[in-house]
Amino acid sequence: MSIGDLANHAMIGFDGIMQNHRVAKWLRVAVPSARIVNRNTSMLGTLSAVKAGIGVAALPTTLGDAEETLVQLLPPAEELTRSWYLLTHPDLRKTTRIAAFVDHVLDDIPALRTALIG
């Protein structure tokens, strides 16, 4: 299956505050002839519509992978990946609470990678 094949499926789109979200913009460009059968104003609403069998949708892997009944049709779209940065002021890096948090994050990078990017 390819991104172009999505035009052959009932798709769930975005509305309201989500209509200018980067996923909604990507969908309009990647599948311009998408047959939108439902629109949602949130990712959780979109997830619910997919689970109800209304159609297929672009979902964050953190949401989709957590649902045993869903099947991932395509790998994550490169255009939708993002980098995350963890920043702190240099003067605060050595404070106990910041140091403990950073150490925890660094110790759990594999688990965080799975949770954040699939």
PDB file of N, CA and C in Angstrom:
ATOM      1  N   MET A   1       0.850  -1.179   0.000  1.00  0.00           N
ATOM      2  CA  MET A   1       0.000   0.000   0.000  1.00  0.00           C
ATOM      3  C   MET A   1       0.890   1.235   0.000  1.00  0.00           C
ATOM      4  N   SER A   2       0.434   2.267  -0.713  1.00  0.00           N
ATOM      5  CA  SER A   2       1.168   3.529  -0.748  1.00  0.00           C
ATOM      6  C   SER A   2       0.249   4.668  -0.303  1.00  0.00           C
ATOM      7  N   ILE A   3       0.835   5.822  -0.109  1.00  0.00           N
ATOM      8  CA  ILE A   3       0.043   6.985   0.314  1.00  0.00           C
ATOM      9  C   ILE A   3      -1.046   7.286  -0.721  1.00  0.00           C
ATOM     10  N   GLY A   4      -0.716   7.145  -1.986  1.00  0.00           N
ATOM     11  CA  GLY A   4      -1.700   7.392  -3.036  1.00  0.00           C
ATOM     12  C   GLY A   4      -2.909   6.475  -2.952  1.00  0.00           C
ATOM     13  N   ASP A   5      -2.703   5.257  -2.444  1.00  0.00           N
ATOM     14  CA  ASP A   5      -3.813   4.305  -2.306  1.00  0.00           C
ATOM     15  C   ASP A   5      -4.849   4.760  -1.289  1.00  0.00           C
ATOM     16  N   LEU A   6      -4.495   5.701  -0.425  1.00  0.00           N
ATOM     17  CA  LEU A   6      -5.444   6.182   0.575  1.00  0.00           C
ATOM     18  C   LEU A   6      -6.672   6.828  -0.073  1.00  0.00           C
ATOM     19  N   ALA A   7      -6.522   7.301  -1.299  1.00  0.00           N
ATOM     20  CA  ALA A   7      -7.652   7.910  -2.004  1.00  0.00           C
ATOM     21  C   ALA A   7      -8.768   6.893  -2.255  1.00  0.00           C
ATOM     22  N   ASN A   8      -8.441   5.604  -2.178  1.00  0.00           N
ATOM     23  CA  ASN A   8      -9.435   4.555  -2.400  1.00  0.00           C
ATOM     24  C   ASN A   8     -10.158   4.150  -1.120  1.00  0.00           C
ATOM     25  N   HIS A   9      -9.874   4.807  -0.031  1.00  0.00           N
ATOM     26  CA  HIS A   9     -10.461   4.459   1.268  1.00  0.00           C
ATOM     27  C   HIS A   9     -11.257   5.623   1.838  1.00  0.00           C
ATOM     28  N   ALA A  10     -12.230   5.302   2.656  1.00  0.00           N
ATOM     29  CA  ALA A  10     -12.940   6.332   3.414  1.00  0.00           C
ATOM     30  C   ALA A  10     -11.943   6.886   4.424  1.00  0.00           C
ATOM     31  N   MET A  11     -11.796   8.200   4.451  1.00  0.00           N
ATOM     32  CA  MET A  11     -10.804   8.812   5.318  1.00  0.00           C
ATOM     33  C   MET A  11     -11.446   9.734   6.334  1.00  0.00           C
ATOM     34  N   ILE A  12     -10.770   9.857   7.438  1.00  0.00           N
ATOM     35  CA  ILE A  12     -11.206  10.767   8.490  1.00  0.00           C
ATOM     36  C   ILE A  12     -10.305  11.988   8.429  1.00  0.00           C
ATOM     37  N   GLY A  13     -10.926  13.145   8.303  1.00  0.00           N
ATOM     38  CA  GLY A  13     -10.192  14.390   8.202  1.00  0.00           C
ATOM     39  C   GLY A  13     -10.303  15.199   9.477  1.00  0.00           C
ATOM     40  N   PHE A  14      -9.971  16.459   9.363  1.00  0.00           N
ATOM     41  CA  PHE A  14      -9.902  17.328  10.536  1.00  0.00           C
ATOM     42  C   PHE A  14     -10.712  18.588  10.296  1.00  0.00           C
ATOM     43  N   ASP A  15     -11.224  19.137  11.385  1.00  0.00           N
ATOM     44  CA  ASP A  15     -12.079  20.315  11.312  1.00  0.00           C
ATOM     45  C   ASP A  15     -11.770  21.215  12.504  1.00  0.00           C
ATOM     46  N   GLY A  16     -12.372  22.374  12.521  1.00  0.00           N
ATOM     47  CA  GLY A  16     -12.220  23.287  13.661  1.00  0.00           C
ATOM     48  C   GLY A  16     -10.769  23.632  13.922  1.00  0.00           C
ATOM     49  N   ILE A  17     -10.370  23.536  15.185  1.00  0.00           N
ATOM     50  CA  ILE A  17      -9.008  23.919  15.552  1.00  0.00           C
ATOM     51  C   ILE A  17      -7.953  22.999  14.932  1.00  0.00           C
ATOM     52  N   MET A  18      -8.368  21.838  14.445  1.00  0.00           N
ATOM     53  CA  MET A  18      -7.427  20.891  13.834  1.00  0.00           C
ATOM     54  C   MET A  18      -7.260  21.079  12.326  1.00  0.00           C
ATOM     55  N   GLN A  19      -8.057  21.936  11.699  1.00  0.00           N
ATOM     56  CA  GLN A  19      -8.002  22.028  10.243  1.00  0.00           C
ATOM     57  C   GLN A  19      -6.694  22.609   9.709  1.00  0.00           C
ATOM     58  N   ASN A  20      -5.945  23.319  10.547  1.00  0.00           N
ATOM     59  CA  ASN A  20      -4.647  23.837  10.120  1.00  0.00           C
ATOM     60  C   ASN A  20      -3.481  23.134  10.817  1.00  0.00           C
ATOM     61  N   HIS A  21      -3.778  22.034  11.492  1.00  0.00           N
ATOM     62  CA  HIS A  21      -2.728  21.226  12.111  1.00  0.00           C
ATOM     63  C   HIS A  21      -1.845  20.655  11.001  1.00  0.00           C
ATOM     64  N   ARG A  22      -0.592  20.385  11.307  1.00  0.00           N
ATOM     65  CA  ARG A  22       0.328  19.905  10.276  1.00  0.00           C
ATOM     66  C   ARG A  22      -0.127  18.590   9.650  1.00  0.00           C
ATOM     67  N   VAL A  23      -0.835  17.751  10.393  1.00  0.00           N
ATOM     68  CA  VAL A  23      -1.355  16.499   9.821  1.00  0.00           C
ATOM     69  C   VAL A  23      -2.451  16.799   8.805  1.00  0.00           C
ATOM     70  N   ALA A  24      -3.319  17.744   9.107  1.00  0.00           N
ATOM     71  CA  ALA A  24      -4.389  18.115   8.180  1.00  0.00           C
ATOM     72  C   ALA A  24      -3.798  18.718   6.901  1.00  0.00           C
ATOM     73  N   LYS A  25      -2.796  19.565   7.047  1.00  0.00           N
ATOM     74  CA  LYS A  25      -2.138  20.156   5.875  1.00  0.00           C
ATOM     75  C   LYS A  25      -1.453  19.076   5.044  1.00  0.00           C
ATOM     76  N   TRP A  26      -0.789  18.133   5.722  1.00  0.00           N
ATOM     77  CA  TRP A  26      -0.125  17.033   5.024  1.00  0.00           C
ATOM     78  C   TRP A  26      -1.136  16.213   4.237  1.00  0.00           C
ATOM     79  N   LEU A  27      -2.264  15.896   4.849  1.00  0.00           N
ATOM     80  CA  LEU A  27      -3.288  15.088   4.200  1.00  0.00           C
ATOM     81  C   LEU A  27      -3.799  15.756   2.928  1.00  0.00           C
ATOM     82  N   ARG A  28      -4.015  17.069   2.978  1.00  0.00           N
ATOM     83  CA  ARG A  28      -4.512  17.793   1.800  1.00  0.00           C
ATOM     84  C   ARG A  28      -3.516  17.727   0.641  1.00  0.00           C
ATOM     85  N   VAL A  29      -2.222  17.731   0.949  1.00  0.00           N
ATOM     86  CA  VAL A  29      -1.193  17.682  -0.093  1.00  0.00           C
ATOM     87  C   VAL A  29      -0.915  16.243  -0.530  1.00  0.00           C
ATOM     88  N   ALA A  30      -0.773  15.335   0.434  1.00  0.00           N
ATOM     89  CA  ALA A  30      -0.398  13.947   0.132  1.00  0.00           C
ATOM     90  C   ALA A  30      -1.514  13.171  -0.550  1.00  0.00           C
ATOM     91  N   VAL A  31      -2.756  13.452  -0.183  1.00  0.00           N
ATOM     92  CA  VAL A  31      -3.910  12.729  -0.757  1.00  0.00           C
ATOM     93  C   VAL A  31      -4.970  13.766  -1.150  1.00  0.00           C
ATOM     94  N   PRO A  32      -4.688  14.551  -2.206  1.00  0.00           N
ATOM     95  CA  PRO A  32      -5.617  15.632  -2.568  1.00  0.00           C
ATOM     96  C   PRO A  32      -7.012  15.141  -2.951  1.00  0.00           C
ATOM     97  N   SER A  33      -7.119  13.897  -3.405  1.00  0.00           N
ATOM     98  CA  SER A  33      -8.435  13.369  -3.784  1.00  0.00           C
ATOM     99  C   SER A  33      -9.026  12.483  -2.695  1.00  0.00           C
ATOM    100  N   ALA A  34      -8.587  12.701  -1.461  1.00  0.00           N
ATOM    101  CA  ALA A  34      -9.093  11.889  -0.343  1.00  0.00           C
ATOM    102  C   ALA A  34     -10.612  12.015  -0.235  1.00  0.00           C
ATOM    103  N   ARG A  35     -11.253  10.893   0.032  1.00  0.00           N
ATOM    104  CA  ARG A  35     -12.711  10.870   0.245  1.00  0.00           C
ATOM    105  C   ARG A  35     -12.948  10.963   1.751  1.00  0.00           C
ATOM    106  N   ILE A  36     -13.122  12.211   2.214  1.00  0.00           N
ATOM    107  CA  ILE A  36     -13.303  12.473   3.642  1.00  0.00           C
ATOM    108  C   ILE A  36     -14.756  12.177   4.007  1.00  0.00           C
ATOM    109  N   VAL A  37     -14.948  11.209   4.905  1.00  0.00           N
ATOM    110  CA  VAL A  37     -16.295  10.811   5.304  1.00  0.00           C
ATOM    111  C   VAL A  37     -16.649  11.286   6.706  1.00  0.00           C
ATOM    112  N   ASN A  38     -15.657  11.792   7.409  1.00  0.00           N
ATOM    113  CA  ASN A  38     -15.866  12.252   8.781  1.00  0.00           C
ATOM    114  C   ASN A  38     -14.769  13.248   9.101  1.00  0.00           C
ATOM    115  N   ARG A  39     -15.075  14.239   9.919  1.00  0.00           N
ATOM    116  CA  ARG A  39     -14.073  15.217  10.358  1.00  0.00           C
ATOM    117  C   ARG A  39     -14.142  15.337  11.870  1.00  0.00           C
ATOM    118  N   ASN A  40     -12.979  15.542  12.474  1.00  0.00           N
ATOM    119  CA  ASN A  40     -12.904  15.666  13.927  1.00  0.00           C
ATOM    120  C   ASN A  40     -12.079  16.868  14.312  1.00  0.00           C
ATOM    121  N   THR A  41     -12.328  17.356  15.515  1.00  0.00           N
ATOM    122  CA  THR A  41     -11.609  18.517  16.028  1.00  0.00           C
ATOM    123  C   THR A  41     -10.512  18.128  17.014  1.00  0.00           C
ATOM    124  N   SER A  42     -10.236  16.829  17.135  1.00  0.00           N
ATOM    125  CA  SER A  42      -9.167  16.382  18.031  1.00  0.00           C
ATOM    126  C   SER A  42      -8.619  15.045  17.562  1.00  0.00           C
ATOM    127  N   MET A  43      -7.409  14.736  17.985  1.00  0.00           N
ATOM    128  CA  MET A  43      -6.821  13.434  17.660  1.00  0.00           C
ATOM    129  C   MET A  43      -7.570  12.311  18.370  1.00  0.00           C
ATOM    130  N   LEU A  44      -8.038  12.566  19.581  1.00  0.00           N
ATOM    131  CA  LEU A  44      -8.782  11.527  20.294  1.00  0.00           C
ATOM    132  C   LEU A  44     -10.115  11.244  19.602  1.00  0.00           C
ATOM    133  N   GLY A  45     -10.758  12.287  19.077  1.00  0.00           N
ATOM    134  CA  GLY A  45     -11.980  12.087  18.305  1.00  0.00           C
ATOM    135  C   GLY A  45     -11.696  11.303  17.033  1.00  0.00           C
ATOM    136  N   THR A  46     -10.574  11.604  16.400  1.00  0.00           N
ATOM    137  CA  THR A  46     -10.166  10.886  15.198  1.00  0.00           C
ATOM    138  C   THR A  46      -9.897   9.427  15.534  1.00  0.00           C
ATOM    139  N   LEU A  47      -9.199   9.178  16.634  1.00  0.00           N
ATOM    140  CA  LEU A  47      -8.937   7.812  17.084  1.00  0.00           C
ATOM    141  C   LEU A  47     -10.248   7.068  17.316  1.00  0.00           C
ATOM    142  N   SER A  48     -11.198   7.713  17.965  1.00  0.00           N
ATOM    143  CA  SER A  48     -12.499   7.075  18.222  1.00  0.00           C
ATOM    144  C   SER A  48     -13.207   6.727  16.919  1.00  0.00           C
ATOM    145  N   ALA A  49     -13.133   7.608  15.932  1.00  0.00           N
ATOM    146  CA  ALA A  49     -13.775   7.344  14.646  1.00  0.00           C
ATOM    147  C   ALA A  49     -13.123   6.161  13.936  1.00  0.00           C
ATOM    148  N   VAL A  50     -11.804   6.073  14.013  1.00  0.00           N
ATOM    149  CA  VAL A  50     -11.108   4.935  13.405  1.00  0.00           C
ATOM    150  C   VAL A  50     -11.510   3.649  14.112  1.00  0.00           C
ATOM    151  N   LYS A  51     -11.523   3.671  15.438  1.00  0.00           N
ATOM    152  CA  LYS A  51     -11.898   2.477  16.205  1.00  0.00           C
ATOM    153  C   LYS A  51     -13.335   2.055  15.923  1.00  0.00           C
ATOM    154  N   ALA A  52     -14.197   3.010  15.596  1.00  0.00           N
ATOM    155  CA  ALA A  52     -15.592   2.696  15.286  1.00  0.00           C
ATOM    156  C   ALA A  52     -15.763   2.168  13.861  1.00  0.00           C
ATOM    157  N   GLY A  53     -14.679   2.168  13.084  1.00  0.00           N
ATOM    158  CA  GLY A  53     -14.742   1.642  11.728  1.00  0.00           C
ATOM    159  C   GLY A  53     -15.220   2.626  10.685  1.00  0.00           C
ATOM    160  N   ILE A  54     -15.220   3.901  11.011  1.00  0.00           N
ATOM    161  CA  ILE A  54     -15.718   4.909  10.068  1.00  0.00           C
ATOM    162  C   ILE A  54     -14.774   5.088   8.883  1.00  0.00           C
ATOM    163  N   GLY A  55     -13.485   4.982   9.129  1.00  0.00           N
ATOM    164  CA  GLY A  55     -12.513   5.150   8.054  1.00  0.00           C
ATOM    165  C   GLY A  55     -11.100   5.049   8.581  1.00  0.00           C
ATOM    166  N   VAL A  56     -10.147   5.398   7.711  1.00  0.00           N
ATOM    167  CA  VAL A  56      -8.738   5.398   8.085  1.00  0.00           C
ATOM    168  C   VAL A  56      -8.295   6.838   8.330  1.00  0.00           C
ATOM    169  N   ALA A  57      -7.228   6.991   9.114  1.00  0.00           N
ATOM    170  CA  ALA A  57      -6.745   8.335   9.431  1.00  0.00           C
ATOM    171  C   ALA A  57      -5.263   8.297   9.737  1.00  0.00           C
ATOM    172  N   ALA A  58      -4.639   9.433   9.571  1.00  0.00           N
ATOM    173  CA  ALA A  58      -3.248   9.614  10.002  1.00  0.00           C
ATOM    174  C   ALA A  58      -3.283   9.879  11.501  1.00  0.00           C
ATOM    175  N   LEU A  59      -2.687   8.974  12.256  1.00  0.00           N
ATOM    176  CA  LEU A  59      -2.658   9.104  13.712  1.00  0.00           C
ATOM    177  C   LEU A  59      -1.219   9.097  14.210  1.00  0.00           C
ATOM    178  N   PRO A  60      -0.955   9.775  15.313  1.00  0.00           N
ATOM    179  CA  PRO A  60       0.375   9.645  15.922  1.00  0.00           C
ATOM    180  C   PRO A  60       0.598   8.189  16.331  1.00  0.00           C
ATOM    181  N   THR A  61       1.808   7.706  16.149  1.00  0.00           N
ATOM    182  CA  THR A  61       2.095   6.314  16.507  1.00  0.00           C
ATOM    183  C   THR A  61       1.842   6.056  17.979  1.00  0.00           C
ATOM    184  N   THR A  62       1.998   7.081  18.822  1.00  0.00           N
ATOM    185  CA  THR A  62       1.758   6.884  20.252  1.00  0.00           C
ATOM    186  C   THR A  62       0.299   6.530  20.523  1.00  0.00           C
ATOM    187  N   LEU A  63      -0.606   7.028  19.708  1.00  0.00           N
ATOM    188  CA  LEU A  63      -2.021   6.683  19.867  1.00  0.00           C
ATOM    189  C   LEU A  63      -2.349   5.362  19.182  1.00  0.00           C
ATOM    190  N   GLY A  64      -1.962   5.239  17.940  1.00  0.00           N
ATOM    191  CA  GLY A  64      -2.316   4.051  17.172  1.00  0.00           C
ATOM    192  C   GLY A  64      -1.692   2.773  17.701  1.00  0.00           C
ATOM    193  N   ASP A  65      -0.431   2.823  18.080  1.00  0.00           N
ATOM    194  CA  ASP A  65       0.250   1.623  18.557  1.00  0.00           C
ATOM    195  C   ASP A  65      -0.318   1.122  19.883  1.00  0.00           C
ATOM    196  N   ALA A  66      -0.942   1.992  20.627  1.00  0.00           N
ATOM    197  CA  ALA A  66      -1.508   1.597  21.918  1.00  0.00           C
ATOM    198  C   ALA A  66      -2.830   0.846  21.765  1.00  0.00           C
ATOM    199  N   GLU A  67      -3.369   0.831  20.566  1.00  0.00           N
ATOM    200  CA  GLU A  67      -4.660   0.196  20.314  1.00  0.00           C
ATOM    201  C   GLU A  67      -4.453  -1.147  19.615  1.00  0.00           C
ATOM    202  N   GLU A  68      -4.716  -2.230  20.326  1.00  0.00           N
ATOM    203  CA  GLU A  68      -4.493  -3.572  19.782  1.00  0.00           C
ATOM    204  C   GLU A  68      -5.384  -3.892  18.594  1.00  0.00           C
ATOM    205  N   THR A  69      -6.525  -3.244  18.485  1.00  0.00           N
ATOM    206  CA  THR A  69      -7.463  -3.564  17.402  1.00  0.00           C
ATOM    207  C   THR A  69      -7.157  -2.820  16.105  1.00  0.00           C
ATOM    208  N   LEU A  70      -6.235  -1.871  16.131  1.00  0.00           N
ATOM    209  CA  LEU A  70      -5.912  -1.100  14.928  1.00  0.00           C
ATOM    210  C   LEU A  70      -4.720  -1.706  14.196  1.00  0.00           C
ATOM    211  N   VAL A  71      -4.715  -1.505  12.881  1.00  0.00           N
ATOM    212  CA  VAL A  71      -3.624  -1.984  12.036  1.00  0.00           C
ATOM    213  C   VAL A  71      -2.980  -0.777  11.366  1.00  0.00           C
ATOM    214  N   GLN A  72      -1.665  -0.701  11.457  1.00  0.00           N
ATOM    215  CA  GLN A  72      -0.940   0.380  10.792  1.00  0.00           C
ATOM    216  C   GLN A  72      -0.822   0.040   9.314  1.00  0.00           C
ATOM    217  N   LEU A  73      -1.360   0.911   8.458  1.00  0.00           N
ATOM    218  CA  LEU A  73      -1.365   0.652   7.022  1.00  0.00           C
ATOM    219  C   LEU A  73      -0.081   1.078   6.332  1.00  0.00           C
ATOM    220  N   LEU A  74       0.505   2.157   6.811  1.00  0.00           N
ATOM    221  CA  LEU A  74       1.717   2.722   6.206  1.00  0.00           C
ATOM    222  C   LEU A  74       2.721   3.051   7.300  1.00  0.00           C
ATOM    223  N   PRO A  75       3.990   3.080   6.966  1.00  0.00           N
ATOM    224  CA  PRO A  75       4.968   3.520   7.960  1.00  0.00           C
ATOM    225  C   PRO A  75       4.770   5.018   8.234  1.00  0.00           C
ATOM    226  N   PRO A  76       5.307   5.513   9.348  1.00  0.00           N
ATOM    227  CA  PRO A  76       5.177   6.948   9.630  1.00  0.00           C
ATOM    228  C   PRO A  76       5.679   7.796   8.460  1.00  0.00           C
ATOM    229  N   ALA A  77       4.939   8.833   8.137  1.00  0.00           N
ATOM    230  CA  ALA A  77       5.319   9.734   7.044  1.00  0.00           C
ATOM    231  C   ALA A  77       6.485  10.603   7.487  1.00  0.00           C
ATOM    232  N   GLU A  78       7.515  10.617   6.684  1.00  0.00           N
ATOM    233  CA  GLU A  78       8.716  11.397   7.005  1.00  0.00           C
ATOM    234  C   GLU A  78       8.376  12.871   7.246  1.00  0.00           C
ATOM    235  N   GLU A  79       7.426  13.381   6.488  1.00  0.00           N
ATOM    236  CA  GLU A  79       7.047  14.800   6.619  1.00  0.00           C
ATOM    237  C   GLU A  79       6.417  15.115   7.971  1.00  0.00           C
ATOM    238  N   LEU A  80       5.953  14.102   8.670  1.00  0.00           N
ATOM    239  CA  LEU A  80       5.274  14.334   9.943  1.00  0.00           C
ATOM    240  C   LEU A  80       6.143  14.040  11.160  1.00  0.00           C
ATOM    241  N   THR A  81       7.367  13.578  10.931  1.00  0.00           N
ATOM    242  CA  THR A  81       8.249  13.335  12.074  1.00  0.00           C
ATOM    243  C   THR A  81       8.744  14.667  12.606  1.00  0.00           C
ATOM    244  N   ARG A  82       9.109  14.680  13.869  1.00  0.00           N
ATOM    245  CA  ARG A  82       9.620  15.918  14.453  1.00  0.00           C
ATOM    246  C   ARG A  82      10.678  15.591  15.481  1.00  0.00           C
ATOM    247  N   SER A  83      11.515  16.567  15.715  1.00  0.00           N
ATOM    248  CA  SER A  83      12.563  16.437  16.732  1.00  0.00           C
ATOM    249  C   SER A  83      12.071  17.055  18.030  1.00  0.00           C
ATOM    250  N   TRP A  84      12.548  16.504  19.110  1.00  0.00           N
ATOM    251  CA  TRP A  84      12.218  17.023  20.432  1.00  0.00           C
ATOM    252  C   TRP A  84      13.497  17.503  21.093  1.00  0.00           C
ATOM    253  N   TYR A  85      13.412  18.613  21.776  1.00  0.00           N
ATOM    254  CA  TYR A  85      14.569  19.162  22.466  1.00  0.00           C
ATOM    255  C   TYR A  85      14.229  19.327  23.939  1.00  0.00           C
ATOM    256  N   LEU A  86      15.168  19.002  24.767  1.00  0.00           N
ATOM    257  CA  LEU A  86      15.034  19.191  26.203  1.00  0.00           C
ATOM    258  C   LEU A  86      16.059  20.238  26.597  1.00  0.00           C
ATOM    259  N   LEU A  87      15.580  21.406  26.985  1.00  0.00           N
ATOM    260  CA  LEU A  87      16.466  22.529  27.268  1.00  0.00           C
ATOM    261  C   LEU A  87      16.367  22.974  28.714  1.00  0.00           C
ATOM    262  N   THR A  88      17.472  23.440  29.217  1.00  0.00           N
ATOM    263  CA  THR A  88      17.500  24.059  30.530  1.00  0.00           C
ATOM    264  C   THR A  88      18.595  25.117  30.525  1.00  0.00           C
ATOM    265  N   HIS A  89      18.458  26.074  31.364  1.00  0.00           N
ATOM    266  CA  HIS A  89      19.490  27.098  31.489  1.00  0.00           C
ATOM    267  C   HIS A  89      20.734  26.446  32.082  1.00  0.00           C
ATOM    268  N   PRO A  90      21.930  26.797  31.586  1.00  0.00           N
ATOM    269  CA  PRO A  90      23.156  26.179  32.099  1.00  0.00           C
ATOM    270  C   PRO A  90      23.312  26.291  33.619  1.00  0.00           C
ATOM    271  N   ASP A  91      22.822  27.374  34.200  1.00  0.00           N
ATOM    272  CA  ASP A  91      22.939  27.552  35.646  1.00  0.00           C
ATOM    273  C   ASP A  91      22.060  26.557  36.416  1.00  0.00           C
ATOM    274  N   LEU A  92      21.021  26.056  35.781  1.00  0.00           N
ATOM    275  CA  LEU A  92      20.102  25.136  36.458  1.00  0.00           C
ATOM    276  C   LEU A  92      20.436  23.665  36.222  1.00  0.00           C
ATOM    277  N   ARG A  93      21.281  23.375  35.251  1.00  0.00           N
ATOM    278  CA  ARG A  93      21.581  21.989  34.882  1.00  0.00           C
ATOM    279  C   ARG A  93      22.075  21.163  36.067  1.00  0.00           C
ATOM    280  N   LYS A  94      22.779  21.755  36.991  1.00  0.00           N
ATOM    281  CA  LYS A  94      23.361  21.018  38.120  1.00  0.00           C
ATOM    282  C   LYS A  94      22.466  21.003  39.361  1.00  0.00           C
ATOM    283  N   THR A  95      21.303  21.675  39.298  1.00  0.00           N
ATOM    284  CA  THR A  95      20.413  21.615  40.461  1.00  0.00           C
ATOM    285  C   THR A  95      19.877  20.199  40.597  1.00  0.00           C
ATOM    286  N   THR A  96      19.578  19.806  41.803  1.00  0.00           N
ATOM    287  CA  THR A  96      19.200  18.421  42.079  1.00  0.00           C
ATOM    288  C   THR A  96      18.012  17.964  41.255  1.00  0.00           C
ATOM    289  N   ARG A  97      16.949  18.740  41.235  1.00  0.00           N
ATOM    290  CA  ARG A  97      15.739  18.280  40.541  1.00  0.00           C
ATOM    291  C   ARG A  97      15.933  18.227  39.029  1.00  0.00           C
ATOM    292  N   ILE A  98      16.637  19.193  38.460  1.00  0.00           N
ATOM    293  CA  ILE A  98      16.873  19.188  37.008  1.00  0.00           C
ATOM    294  C   ILE A  98      17.823  18.047  36.642  1.00  0.00           C
ATOM    295  N   ALA A  99      18.894  17.889  37.415  1.00  0.00           N
ATOM    296  CA  ALA A  99      19.853  16.809  37.155  1.00  0.00           C
ATOM    297  C   ALA A  99      19.169  15.446  37.248  1.00  0.00           C
ATOM    298  N   ALA A 100      18.300  15.266  38.227  1.00  0.00           N
ATOM    299  CA  ALA A 100      17.597  13.992  38.381  1.00  0.00           C
ATOM    300  C   ALA A 100      16.678  13.740  37.187  1.00  0.00           C
ATOM    301  N   PHE A 101      15.991  14.781  36.739  1.00  0.00           N
ATOM    302  CA  PHE A 101      15.098  14.621  35.596  1.00  0.00           C
ATOM    303  C   PHE A 101      15.881  14.269  34.332  1.00  0.00           C
ATOM    304  N   VAL A 102      16.949  15.001  34.065  1.00  0.00           N
ATOM    305  CA  VAL A 102      17.758  14.745  32.868  1.00  0.00           C
ATOM    306  C   VAL A 102      18.353  13.340  32.932  1.00  0.00           C
ATOM    307  N   ASP A 103      18.851  12.943  34.084  1.00  0.00           N
ATOM    308  CA  ASP A 103      19.403  11.591  34.232  1.00  0.00           C
ATOM    309  C   ASP A 103      18.332  10.540  33.962  1.00  0.00           C
ATOM    310  N   HIS A 104      17.126  10.769  34.464  1.00  0.00           N
ATOM    311  CA  HIS A 104      16.015   9.838  34.242  1.00  0.00           C
ATOM    312  C   HIS A 104      15.698   9.730  32.755  1.00  0.00           C
ATOM    313  N   VAL A 105      15.626  10.860  32.078  1.00  0.00           N
ATOM    314  CA  VAL A 105      15.334  10.859  30.647  1.00  0.00           C
ATOM    315  C   VAL A 105      16.427  10.117  29.886  1.00  0.00           C
ATOM    316  N   LEU A 106      17.672  10.394  30.203  1.00  0.00           N
ATOM    317  CA  LEU A 106      18.775   9.734  29.503  1.00  0.00           C
ATOM    318  C   LEU A 106      18.802   8.233  29.772  1.00  0.00           C
ATOM    319  N   ASP A 107      18.439   7.826  30.972  1.00  0.00           N
ATOM    320  CA  ASP A 107      18.398   6.396  31.303  1.00  0.00           C
ATOM    321  C   ASP A 107      17.277   5.679  30.563  1.00  0.00           C
ATOM    322  N   ASP A 108      16.203   6.402  30.257  1.00  0.00           N
ATOM    323  CA  ASP A 108      15.025   5.783  29.640  1.00  0.00           C
ATOM    324  C   ASP A 108      14.851   6.115  28.165  1.00  0.00           C
ATOM    325  N   ILE A 109      15.925   6.477  27.497  1.00  0.00           N
ATOM    326  CA  ILE A 109      15.804   6.865  26.084  1.00  0.00           C
ATOM    327  C   ILE A 109      15.128   5.796  25.230  1.00  0.00           C
ATOM    328  N   PRO A 110      15.467   4.507  25.330  1.00  0.00           N
ATOM    329  CA  PRO A 110      14.750   3.537  24.479  1.00  0.00           C
ATOM    330  C   PRO A 110      13.235   3.532  24.729  1.00  0.00           C
ATOM    331  N   ALA A 111      12.837   3.591  25.966  1.00  0.00           N
ATOM    332  CA  ALA A 111      11.405   3.606  26.285  1.00  0.00           C
ATOM    333  C   ALA A 111      10.762   4.892  25.790  1.00  0.00           C
ATOM    334  N   LEU A 112      11.465   6.009  25.952  1.00  0.00           N
ATOM    335  CA  LEU A 112      10.926   7.284  25.479  1.00  0.00           C
ATOM    336  C   LEU A 112      10.841   7.314  23.961  1.00  0.00           C
ATOM    337  N   ARG A 113      11.825   6.752  23.298  1.00  0.00           N
ATOM    338  CA  ARG A 113      11.808   6.715  21.843  1.00  0.00           C
ATOM    339  C   ARG A 113      10.550   5.984  21.353  1.00  0.00           C
ATOM    340  N   THR A 114      10.257   4.865  21.966  1.00  0.00           N
ATOM    341  CA  THR A 114       9.070   4.102  21.586  1.00  0.00           C
ATOM    342  C   THR A 114       7.799   4.903  21.848  1.00  0.00           C
ATOM    343  N   ALA A 115       7.738   5.562  22.996  1.00  0.00           N
ATOM    344  CA  ALA A 115       6.541   6.329  23.348  1.00  0.00           C
ATOM    345  C   ALA A 115       6.366   7.550  22.454  1.00  0.00           C
ATOM    346  N   LEU A 116       7.463   8.183  22.060  1.00  0.00           N
ATOM    347  CA  LEU A 116       7.362   9.432  21.324  1.00  0.00           C
ATOM    348  C   LEU A 116       7.322   9.250  19.817  1.00  0.00           C
ATOM    349  N   ILE A 117       8.065   8.298  19.285  1.00  0.00           N
ATOM    350  CA  ILE A 117       8.125   8.186  17.826  1.00  0.00           C
ATOM    351  C   ILE A 117       7.749   6.823  17.293  1.00  0.00           C
ATOM    352  N   GLY A 118       7.426   5.898  18.138  1.00  0.00           N
ATOM    353  CA  GLY A 118       6.972   4.602  17.668  1.00  0.00           C
ATOM    354  C   GLY A 118       8.100   3.627  17.372  1.00  0.00           C
TER     355      GLY A 118
END
